[in-house]
Amino acid sequence: MEAGRRVVVTGLGAITPLGASARDTWEAMKAGKNGIGPISLFDTEKFKVHLGAEVKDFHPEDYMSVNESLRTDRYAQFAIAASDQACEDSGIEGTVDPERFAVYFGTGIGGIRTFEKEHERLLSRGPRRVSPLLIPMMISNMASGLIAIRHGCHGSALPAVTACASGSNAIGEAVRMIRHGYADALIAGGAEAAICPSAVAGFGNMGALSCASDPDAASLPFDKRRAGFVIGEGAVSLILEEYGHALKRGAKIYGEICGYGSTCDAYHMTAVQPEAEQSSRAMIQACREAGYSEGESVYVNAHGTGTPMNDSVETIAIKKAFGGKLDSVLVSSTKSMTGHMLGAAGAIEALACLFSLDEGVVPATINLKEPDEVCDIPLVAERAQKADITLALSNSFGFGGHNVCLAFRKV
């Protein structure tokens, strides 16, 4: 690592179930707004699952031509829109050598809506009617590629595809790119648009999704009543920049990404390792990099999916990471409001951490009415809480055993 290469966030953009910008998303999060409702993107009559956290009133033509929108999957449309916002917010364009400007953008599933549509066409109308754009529209690297094209990024343009840890891995690896001197700025984040019949059926038949009919009793992290996550969609983009570069151009700085832990359970395709050995180690790695001192005020934005196993094992991970000393730690899961945005989850939760540090407000786990005794950690429930936190951590765990923790501080 080159000495002194710190990484800060100088721009944010968001298209989420809570709002059409980063600020709107955060204000809704602070207010405890629930972004979950009946799925409208397809008919769920024959499905066990009827609720999702959809992006509302999104018009891709606000960010691209009609022809471009027809050639771009919804997940990539979200990614482009969020990244356009972040670049505008940051003012980064024209201030960095294009060969030192890169993109790391995560997605868990990529263009599954396009694949589903074209597969139906294959079966009903034959192979000659399948779109020649099927492959470029569905592949998981296309969001990062399209972002690079729009913003002239000639550095690396890579996806992170680690299921529900994708957004966090993209951000963490982007941090390392800057720290080790390979880039001066990156567009990083995550996008997902998997609220479609095949994905909802697959997750639902796996038993991973909540079958609740009440939006306020569906995504219930750390609650005794929890019975699965609610599928969400959207994108969040961050402009990461080398600190000295940001200072030199007088950039607005949201905060510093000061720690990154990444481990693998190497245990099971979908189940978390029950002793939380590697998920806690990811947290410990991030805390060590961030210079954590025992007793300082910490906010943990938990992975907190609302599945029975995840929340109980994450409780163990948090306890292990802090040696059982949680007197100055606050925990919440914003998935209670956003649903689980899959490959975009880590990015929106990074946004939450940055705003929490800046404003001294910890968002709540809404609808947490019956806390599970097994999840005996200091949870912020129902309403956002003022707290002068000095360190914020974001946990992301993905199918395949991927564990990520990002650490943030004020600058």
Protein backbone atom coordinates (compact mmCIF):
# COMPACT_ATOMS: atom_id res chain seq x y z
CA MET A 1 0.00 0.00 0.00
CA GLU A 2 1.27 3.45 -0.83
CA ALA A 3 1.67 5.52 2.31
CA GLY A 4 -1.02 8.09 2.90
CA ARG A 5 -3.43 7.03 0.13
CA ARG A 6 -6.71 7.44 1.96
CA VAL A 7 -10.05 6.90 0.23
CA VAL A 8 -13.01 9.25 0.61
CA VAL A 9 -16.51 9.42 -0.86
CA THR A 10 -17.19 12.59 -2.81
CA GLY A 11 -20.43 11.77 -4.63
CA LEU A 12 -23.61 9.75 -4.10
CA GLY A 13 -26.45 8.70 -6.36
CA ALA A 14 -29.42 6.42 -5.71
CA ILE A 15 -32.50 4.90 -7.30
CA THR A 16 -34.17 2.92 -4.51
CA PRO A 17 -37.53 1.82 -3.09
CA LEU A 18 -37.28 4.83 -0.76
CA GLY A 19 -36.44 7.57 -3.25
CA ALA A 20 -35.04 8.71 -6.58
CA SER A 21 -31.85 10.24 -5.15
CA ALA A 22 -29.38 9.71 -2.32
CA ARG A 23 -30.84 12.53 -0.23
CA ASP A 24 -34.44 11.42 -0.75
CA THR A 25 -33.48 7.86 0.18
CA TRP A 26 -31.75 8.97 3.37
CA GLU A 27 -34.56 11.30 4.46
CA ALA A 28 -37.07 8.46 4.00
CA MET A 29 -34.77 6.10 5.90
CA LYS A 30 -34.46 8.55 8.80
CA ALA A 31 -38.23 8.91 8.88
CA GLY A 32 -38.73 5.15 9.02
CA LYS A 33 -40.60 4.99 5.72
CA ASN A 34 -41.49 1.49 4.54
CA GLY A 35 -40.65 0.95 0.86
CA ILE A 36 -42.37 -2.45 0.73
CA GLY A 37 -45.72 -3.05 -0.98
CA PRO A 38 -47.60 -5.37 -3.33
CA ILE A 39 -45.58 -6.42 -6.36
CA SER A 40 -46.83 -4.57 -9.44
CA LEU A 41 -44.20 -5.61 -12.00
CA PHE A 42 -45.98 -8.91 -12.70
CA ASP A 43 -49.09 -10.83 -11.65
CA THR A 44 -48.40 -12.73 -8.41
CA GLU A 45 -51.76 -14.50 -8.21
CA LYS A 46 -50.22 -18.00 -8.51
CA PHE A 47 -47.23 -17.18 -6.28
CA LYS A 48 -46.68 -17.74 -2.58
CA VAL A 49 -45.01 -14.35 -2.40
CA HIS A 50 -46.87 -11.11 -3.10
CA LEU A 51 -44.73 -8.32 -1.62
CA GLY A 52 -41.60 -6.60 -2.84
CA ALA A 53 -39.67 -3.36 -2.44
CA GLU A 54 -40.00 -1.90 -5.92
CA VAL A 55 -38.52 1.28 -7.33
CA LYS A 56 -41.43 3.62 -8.01
CA ASP A 57 -41.93 6.05 -10.91
CA PHE A 58 -38.58 5.34 -12.56
CA HIS A 59 -38.33 6.62 -16.11
CA PRO A 60 -35.14 5.51 -17.87
CA GLU A 61 -35.66 8.20 -20.51
CA ASP A 62 -34.70 10.73 -17.84
CA TYR A 63 -31.15 9.34 -18.14
CA MET A 64 -30.89 7.95 -21.68
CA SER A 65 -32.58 7.99 -25.07
CA VAL A 66 -35.55 5.74 -25.75
CA ASN A 67 -33.41 3.60 -28.07
CA GLU A 68 -30.75 3.19 -25.35
CA SER A 69 -33.38 2.23 -22.78
CA LEU A 70 -34.72 -0.49 -25.12
CA ARG A 71 -31.22 -1.95 -25.35
CA THR A 72 -30.52 -1.91 -21.62
CA ASP A 73 -31.80 -4.20 -18.86
CA ARG A 74 -33.55 -2.59 -15.91
CA TYR A 75 -30.66 -3.39 -13.55
CA ALA A 76 -28.22 -1.52 -15.81
CA GLN A 77 -30.67 1.37 -16.21
CA PHE A 78 -30.70 1.75 -12.43
CA ALA A 79 -26.89 1.58 -12.32
CA ILE A 80 -26.48 4.22 -15.03
CA ALA A 81 -29.00 6.56 -13.38
CA ALA A 82 -27.40 6.28 -9.94
CA SER A 83 -23.92 6.77 -11.39
CA ASP A 84 -24.97 9.80 -13.42
CA GLN A 85 -26.30 11.32 -10.20
CA ALA A 86 -23.11 10.47 -8.28
CA CYS A 87 -20.83 11.95 -10.94
CA GLU A 88 -22.88 15.14 -11.05
CA ASP A 89 -22.93 15.35 -7.25
CA SER A 90 -19.16 14.87 -7.08
CA GLY A 91 -18.12 17.04 -10.02
CA ILE A 92 -15.44 14.44 -10.69
CA GLU A 93 -15.60 14.46 -14.48
CA GLY A 94 -12.84 16.44 -16.14
CA THR A 95 -10.75 16.49 -12.94
CA VAL A 96 -9.12 13.07 -13.21
CA ASP A 97 -6.98 11.38 -15.85
CA PRO A 98 -9.33 8.96 -17.67
CA GLU A 99 -6.68 6.24 -17.38
CA ARG A 100 -6.80 6.73 -13.58
CA PHE A 101 -10.62 6.66 -13.47
CA ALA A 102 -12.19 3.21 -13.02
CA VAL A 103 -15.49 1.43 -12.33
CA TYR A 104 -16.27 -1.43 -9.92
CA PHE A 105 -20.00 -2.14 -9.90
CA GLY A 106 -21.71 -5.13 -8.33
CA THR A 107 -24.80 -7.14 -9.14
CA GLY A 108 -25.94 -10.46 -7.79
CA ILE A 109 -27.98 -11.63 -10.78
CA GLY A 110 -27.60 -9.12 -13.62
CA GLY A 111 -30.12 -8.98 -16.44
CA ILE A 112 -32.46 -11.75 -15.34
CA ARG A 113 -35.54 -9.87 -16.59
CA THR A 114 -34.08 -9.81 -20.11
CA PHE A 115 -33.15 -13.49 -19.93
CA GLU A 116 -36.65 -14.39 -18.75
CA LYS A 117 -38.34 -12.36 -21.50
CA GLU A 118 -36.17 -13.78 -24.29
CA HIS A 119 -36.48 -17.34 -23.01
CA GLU A 120 -40.26 -17.01 -23.18
CA ARG A 121 -39.87 -15.74 -26.75
CA LEU A 122 -37.61 -18.69 -27.60
CA LEU A 123 -40.25 -21.16 -26.40
CA SER A 124 -43.24 -19.41 -27.93
CA ARG A 125 -41.84 -18.05 -31.21
CA GLY A 126 -38.67 -20.01 -31.90
CA PRO A 127 -34.91 -19.34 -31.87
CA ARG A 128 -34.91 -16.88 -34.76
CA ARG A 129 -37.03 -14.45 -32.74
CA VAL A 130 -34.62 -14.24 -29.77
CA SER A 131 -33.11 -10.75 -29.54
CA PRO A 132 -29.51 -10.40 -30.72
CA LEU A 133 -29.10 -8.15 -27.69
CA LEU A 134 -29.96 -10.94 -25.22
CA ILE A 135 -26.35 -11.60 -24.21
CA PRO A 136 -25.08 -8.01 -23.85
CA MET A 137 -28.25 -7.02 -21.99
CA MET A 138 -28.16 -9.89 -19.49
CA ILE A 139 -24.49 -10.30 -18.59
CA SER A 140 -23.43 -9.09 -15.17
CA ASN A 141 -20.50 -6.93 -16.30
CA MET A 142 -22.63 -4.73 -18.53
CA ALA A 143 -23.54 -2.15 -15.88
CA SER A 144 -19.86 -1.43 -15.19
CA GLY A 145 -19.11 -1.37 -18.92
CA LEU A 146 -21.92 1.05 -19.73
CA ILE A 147 -20.99 3.32 -16.82
CA ALA A 148 -17.40 3.41 -18.08
CA ILE A 149 -18.58 4.31 -21.60
CA ARG A 150 -20.77 7.16 -20.33
CA HIS A 151 -18.10 8.69 -18.10
CA GLY A 152 -14.92 7.97 -20.06
CA CYS A 153 -13.34 5.63 -17.52
CA HIS A 154 -10.30 3.94 -19.11
CA GLY A 155 -9.13 2.25 -15.93
CA SER A 156 -10.49 -1.15 -14.93
CA ALA A 157 -14.23 -1.62 -15.41
CA LEU A 158 -15.22 -4.69 -13.45
CA PRO A 159 -18.28 -6.25 -11.81
CA ALA A 160 -18.35 -7.83 -8.38
CA VAL A 161 -20.66 -10.85 -8.42
CA THR A 162 -20.82 -12.24 -4.89
CA ALA A 163 -24.59 -12.53 -4.44
CA CYS A 164 -25.82 -10.26 -1.64
CA ALA A 165 -22.27 -9.07 -0.89
CA SER A 166 -21.71 -7.78 -4.44
CA GLY A 167 -22.17 -4.07 -3.74
CA SER A 168 -19.90 -4.17 -0.70
CA ASN A 169 -17.22 -6.18 -2.48
CA ALA A 170 -17.28 -3.70 -5.36
CA ILE A 171 -16.74 -0.81 -2.96
CA GLY A 172 -14.07 -2.63 -0.96
CA GLU A 173 -12.07 -3.67 -4.00
CA ALA A 174 -12.36 -0.13 -5.35
CA VAL A 175 -10.84 1.11 -2.09
CA ARG A 176 -7.89 -1.22 -2.59
CA MET A 177 -7.44 0.02 -6.18
CA ILE A 178 -6.98 3.57 -4.92
CA ARG A 179 -4.93 2.62 -1.87
CA HIS A 180 -2.47 0.63 -3.92
CA GLY A 181 -2.05 3.37 -6.49
CA TYR A 182 -3.85 1.88 -9.49
CA ALA A 183 -6.49 4.63 -9.71
CA ASP A 184 -7.28 8.06 -8.35
CA ALA A 185 -11.07 7.77 -8.52
CA LEU A 186 -13.69 5.09 -9.06
CA ILE A 187 -17.41 4.82 -9.60
CA ALA A 188 -18.47 2.00 -7.30
CA GLY A 189 -21.70 0.51 -6.05
CA GLY A 190 -24.33 -2.08 -6.85
CA ALA A 191 -27.51 -2.59 -8.84
CA GLU A 192 -30.27 -5.20 -9.00
CA ALA A 193 -33.62 -5.63 -10.75
CA ALA A 194 -34.75 -9.17 -10.01
CA ILE A 195 -38.39 -8.65 -9.08
CA CYS A 196 -39.59 -10.96 -11.83
CA PRO A 197 -41.42 -14.30 -11.92
CA SER A 198 -38.42 -16.63 -12.15
CA ALA A 199 -36.44 -14.97 -9.36
CA VAL A 200 -39.40 -14.62 -7.01
CA ALA A 201 -40.43 -18.22 -7.68
CA GLY A 202 -36.89 -19.47 -7.15
CA PHE A 203 -36.25 -17.56 -3.93
CA GLY A 204 -39.78 -18.32 -2.74
CA ASN A 205 -39.56 -22.06 -3.34
CA MET A 206 -36.23 -22.05 -1.54
CA GLY A 207 -38.09 -20.73 1.50
CA ALA A 208 -36.00 -17.55 1.57
CA LEU A 209 -38.82 -15.02 1.04
CA SER A 210 -41.48 -13.79 3.41
CA CYS A 211 -44.99 -14.88 2.42
CA ALA A 212 -46.61 -12.14 4.52
CA SER A 213 -49.43 -10.05 3.08
CA ASP A 214 -48.93 -7.05 5.39
CA PRO A 215 -46.01 -4.79 4.35
CA ASP A 216 -45.46 -3.90 8.01
CA ALA A 217 -45.12 -7.56 8.99
CA ALA A 218 -42.93 -8.77 6.13
CA SER A 219 -39.30 -7.64 6.49
CA LEU A 220 -38.68 -8.25 10.19
CA PRO A 221 -34.96 -8.39 11.00
CA PHE A 222 -34.18 -9.61 14.53
CA ASP A 223 -37.88 -10.05 15.32
CA LYS A 224 -39.31 -13.34 16.63
CA ARG A 225 -41.85 -13.27 13.79
CA ARG A 226 -39.25 -13.12 10.99
CA ALA A 227 -39.83 -15.67 8.27
CA GLY A 228 -37.80 -14.59 5.26
CA PHE A 229 -36.60 -11.52 3.40
CA VAL A 230 -38.52 -9.25 1.04
CA ILE A 231 -36.97 -8.90 -2.41
CA GLY A 232 -35.99 -5.36 -3.35
CA GLU A 233 -34.43 -3.59 -6.32
CA GLY A 234 -32.54 -0.44 -7.24
CA ALA A 235 -29.00 0.93 -7.40
CA VAL A 236 -26.66 3.12 -5.38
CA SER A 237 -23.44 4.61 -6.71
CA LEU A 238 -20.53 6.18 -4.83
CA ILE A 239 -17.64 8.23 -6.17
CA LEU A 240 -14.52 7.06 -4.38
CA GLU A 241 -11.53 9.35 -4.57
CA GLU A 242 -8.00 9.56 -3.24
CA TYR A 243 -8.11 12.03 -0.34
CA GLY A 244 -5.37 14.35 -1.61
CA HIS A 245 -6.95 14.48 -5.05
CA ALA A 246 -10.31 15.38 -3.50
CA LEU A 247 -8.75 18.10 -1.32
CA LYS A 248 -6.86 19.59 -4.25
CA ARG A 249 -10.03 20.14 -6.27
CA GLY A 250 -12.07 21.30 -3.28
CA ALA A 251 -14.51 18.40 -3.41
CA LYS A 252 -17.31 17.89 -0.93
CA ILE A 253 -16.43 14.86 1.22
CA TYR A 254 -19.12 12.63 2.71
CA GLY A 255 -16.72 10.49 4.70
CA GLU A 256 -13.79 8.10 4.53
CA ILE A 257 -13.84 4.38 3.80
CA CYS A 258 -11.22 3.33 6.28
CA GLY A 259 -11.63 -0.45 6.53
CA TYR A 260 -12.54 -3.46 4.42
CA GLY A 261 -12.83 -7.07 5.52
CA SER A 262 -13.57 -9.89 3.08
CA THR A 263 -13.71 -13.58 3.96
CA CYS A 264 -15.46 -16.77 2.90
CA ASP A 265 -17.21 -19.36 5.06
CA ALA A 266 -16.27 -22.15 2.60
CA TYR A 267 -19.12 -24.01 4.23
CA HIS A 268 -22.38 -24.26 2.21
CA MET A 269 -24.05 -22.91 -0.96
CA THR A 270 -26.74 -20.96 0.89
CA ALA A 271 -26.47 -21.53 4.65
CA VAL A 272 -24.27 -19.35 6.85
CA GLN A 273 -21.59 -21.00 8.97
CA PRO A 274 -23.36 -21.32 12.35
CA GLU A 275 -20.42 -20.31 14.57
CA ALA A 276 -19.89 -17.10 12.55
CA GLU A 277 -16.14 -17.68 12.47
CA GLN A 278 -15.51 -16.01 9.12
CA SER A 279 -18.25 -13.38 9.20
CA SER A 280 -16.88 -12.14 12.52
CA ARG A 281 -13.36 -12.21 11.07
CA ALA A 282 -14.46 -9.91 8.24
CA MET A 283 -15.71 -7.45 10.86
CA ILE A 284 -12.47 -7.76 12.83
CA GLN A 285 -10.43 -7.11 9.67
CA ALA A 286 -12.43 -3.96 8.90
CA CYS A 287 -12.19 -2.71 12.48
CA ARG A 288 -8.44 -3.30 12.58
CA GLU A 289 -7.91 -1.37 9.33
CA ALA A 290 -10.12 1.43 10.64
CA GLY A 291 -8.10 1.75 13.86
CA TYR A 292 -11.01 0.81 16.11
CA SER A 293 -10.47 1.45 19.81
CA GLU A 294 -12.49 -0.38 22.44
CA GLY A 295 -15.23 1.82 23.84
CA GLU A 296 -15.63 4.18 20.89
CA SER A 297 -19.14 4.79 19.63
CA VAL A 298 -19.98 2.44 16.76
CA TYR A 299 -22.98 1.95 14.47
CA VAL A 300 -23.35 -1.43 12.77
CA ASN A 301 -25.66 -1.50 9.76
CA ALA A 302 -26.40 -5.21 9.95
CA HIS A 303 -26.92 -7.51 6.99
CA GLY A 304 -30.14 -8.23 8.91
CA THR A 305 -32.19 -9.99 6.24
CA GLY A 306 -35.05 -11.18 8.43
CA THR A 307 -34.36 -14.86 7.82
CA PRO A 308 -34.26 -16.95 11.00
CA MET A 309 -30.73 -18.26 10.51
CA ASN A 310 -29.03 -15.10 9.22
CA ASP A 311 -30.08 -12.84 12.08
CA SER A 312 -29.15 -15.26 14.85
CA VAL A 313 -25.74 -16.02 13.31
CA GLU A 314 -25.05 -12.35 12.62
CA THR A 315 -25.75 -11.70 16.29
CA ILE A 316 -22.96 -14.15 17.12
CA ALA A 317 -20.66 -12.45 14.59
CA ILE A 318 -21.22 -9.00 16.09
CA LYS A 319 -20.59 -10.29 19.61
CA LYS A 320 -17.39 -12.03 18.54
CA ALA A 321 -16.13 -9.01 16.63
CA PHE A 322 -16.38 -6.79 19.72
CA GLY A 323 -15.37 -9.42 22.25
CA GLY A 324 -18.87 -9.33 23.72
CA LYS A 325 -18.42 -5.68 24.75
CA LEU A 326 -21.36 -3.89 23.14
CA ASP A 327 -22.00 -1.01 25.58
CA SER A 328 -21.05 1.60 22.96
CA VAL A 329 -22.41 -0.24 19.91
CA LEU A 330 -25.76 0.39 18.15
CA VAL A 331 -27.18 -1.99 15.54
CA SER A 332 -30.00 -1.71 13.02
CA SER A 333 -31.12 -3.24 9.73
CA THR A 334 -32.36 -0.84 7.09
CA LYS A 335 -33.63 -3.83 5.08
CA SER A 336 -36.73 -3.44 7.25
CA MET A 337 -37.47 -0.45 4.99
CA THR A 338 -35.75 -1.22 1.68
CA GLY A 339 -36.26 -4.95 1.53
CA HIS A 340 -33.22 -6.93 0.41
CA MET A 341 -31.79 -5.24 -2.68
CA LEU A 342 -29.46 -8.21 -3.25
CA GLY A 343 -26.42 -6.99 -5.21
CA ALA A 344 -27.31 -3.37 -4.40
CA ALA A 345 -27.80 -3.98 -0.67
CA GLY A 346 -24.21 -3.24 0.36
CA ALA A 347 -24.22 0.01 -1.60
CA ILE A 348 -27.40 1.42 -0.06
CA GLU A 349 -26.16 0.39 3.37
CA ALA A 350 -22.88 2.20 2.72
CA LEU A 351 -24.98 5.28 1.96
CA ALA A 352 -26.77 4.83 5.29
CA CYS A 353 -23.46 4.62 7.15
CA LEU A 354 -22.07 7.77 5.55
CA PHE A 355 -25.16 9.86 6.32
CA SER A 356 -25.36 8.41 9.84
CA LEU A 357 -21.84 9.58 10.60
CA ASP A 358 -22.41 12.97 9.01
CA GLU A 359 -25.66 13.73 10.84
CA GLY A 360 -25.23 11.74 14.05
CA VAL A 361 -28.41 9.78 13.42
CA VAL A 362 -28.77 6.00 13.43
CA PRO A 363 -31.70 4.73 11.32
CA ALA A 364 -34.08 2.27 12.91
CA THR A 365 -35.11 -1.29 12.31
CA ILE A 366 -38.78 -0.49 11.75
CA ASN A 367 -41.58 -2.87 12.78
CA LEU A 368 -39.31 -4.53 15.36
CA LYS A 369 -42.09 -5.17 17.86
CA GLU A 370 -41.06 -8.56 19.26
CA PRO A 371 -37.27 -8.68 19.56
CA ASP A 372 -35.91 -12.21 19.54
CA GLU A 373 -34.09 -13.05 22.78
CA VAL A 374 -31.53 -14.91 20.68
CA CYS A 375 -30.66 -11.63 18.98
CA ASP A 376 -29.49 -9.99 22.19
CA ILE A 377 -27.58 -7.05 20.73
CA PRO A 378 -28.30 -3.31 21.20
CA LEU A 379 -30.87 -2.79 18.46
CA VAL A 380 -32.29 0.57 17.39
CA ALA A 381 -35.99 -0.15 16.94
CA GLU A 382 -38.96 1.72 15.47
CA ARG A 383 -37.47 5.25 15.39
CA ALA A 384 -34.13 6.69 14.34
CA GLN A 385 -31.87 7.56 17.24
CA LYS A 386 -29.44 10.42 17.69
CA ALA A 387 -25.94 9.18 18.47
CA ASP A 388 -22.51 10.77 18.16
CA ILE A 389 -20.95 7.78 16.43
CA THR A 390 -17.30 7.82 15.36
CA LEU A 391 -17.21 4.58 13.36
CA ALA A 392 -19.86 2.95 11.15
CA LEU A 393 -19.70 -0.63 9.90
CA SER A 394 -21.75 -2.23 7.13
CA ASN A 395 -22.11 -6.02 7.02
CA SER A 396 -22.97 -7.94 3.84
CA PHE A 397 -23.17 -11.72 3.56
CA GLY A 398 -23.93 -13.59 0.34
CA PHE A 399 -24.86 -17.05 -0.90
CA GLY A 400 -21.64 -18.97 -1.45
CA GLY A 401 -20.33 -17.91 1.95
CA HIS A 402 -19.13 -14.42 1.01
CA ASN A 403 -18.67 -12.12 4.01
CA VAL A 404 -17.86 -8.42 3.73
CA CYS A 405 -17.57 -5.60 6.23
CA LEU A 406 -16.92 -1.98 5.27
CA ALA A 407 -15.82 0.63 7.82
CA PHE A 408 -16.47 4.37 7.56
CA ARG A 409 -15.36 7.47 9.48
CA LYS A 410 -15.89 11.21 9.27
CA VAL A 411 -13.07 13.23 7.72
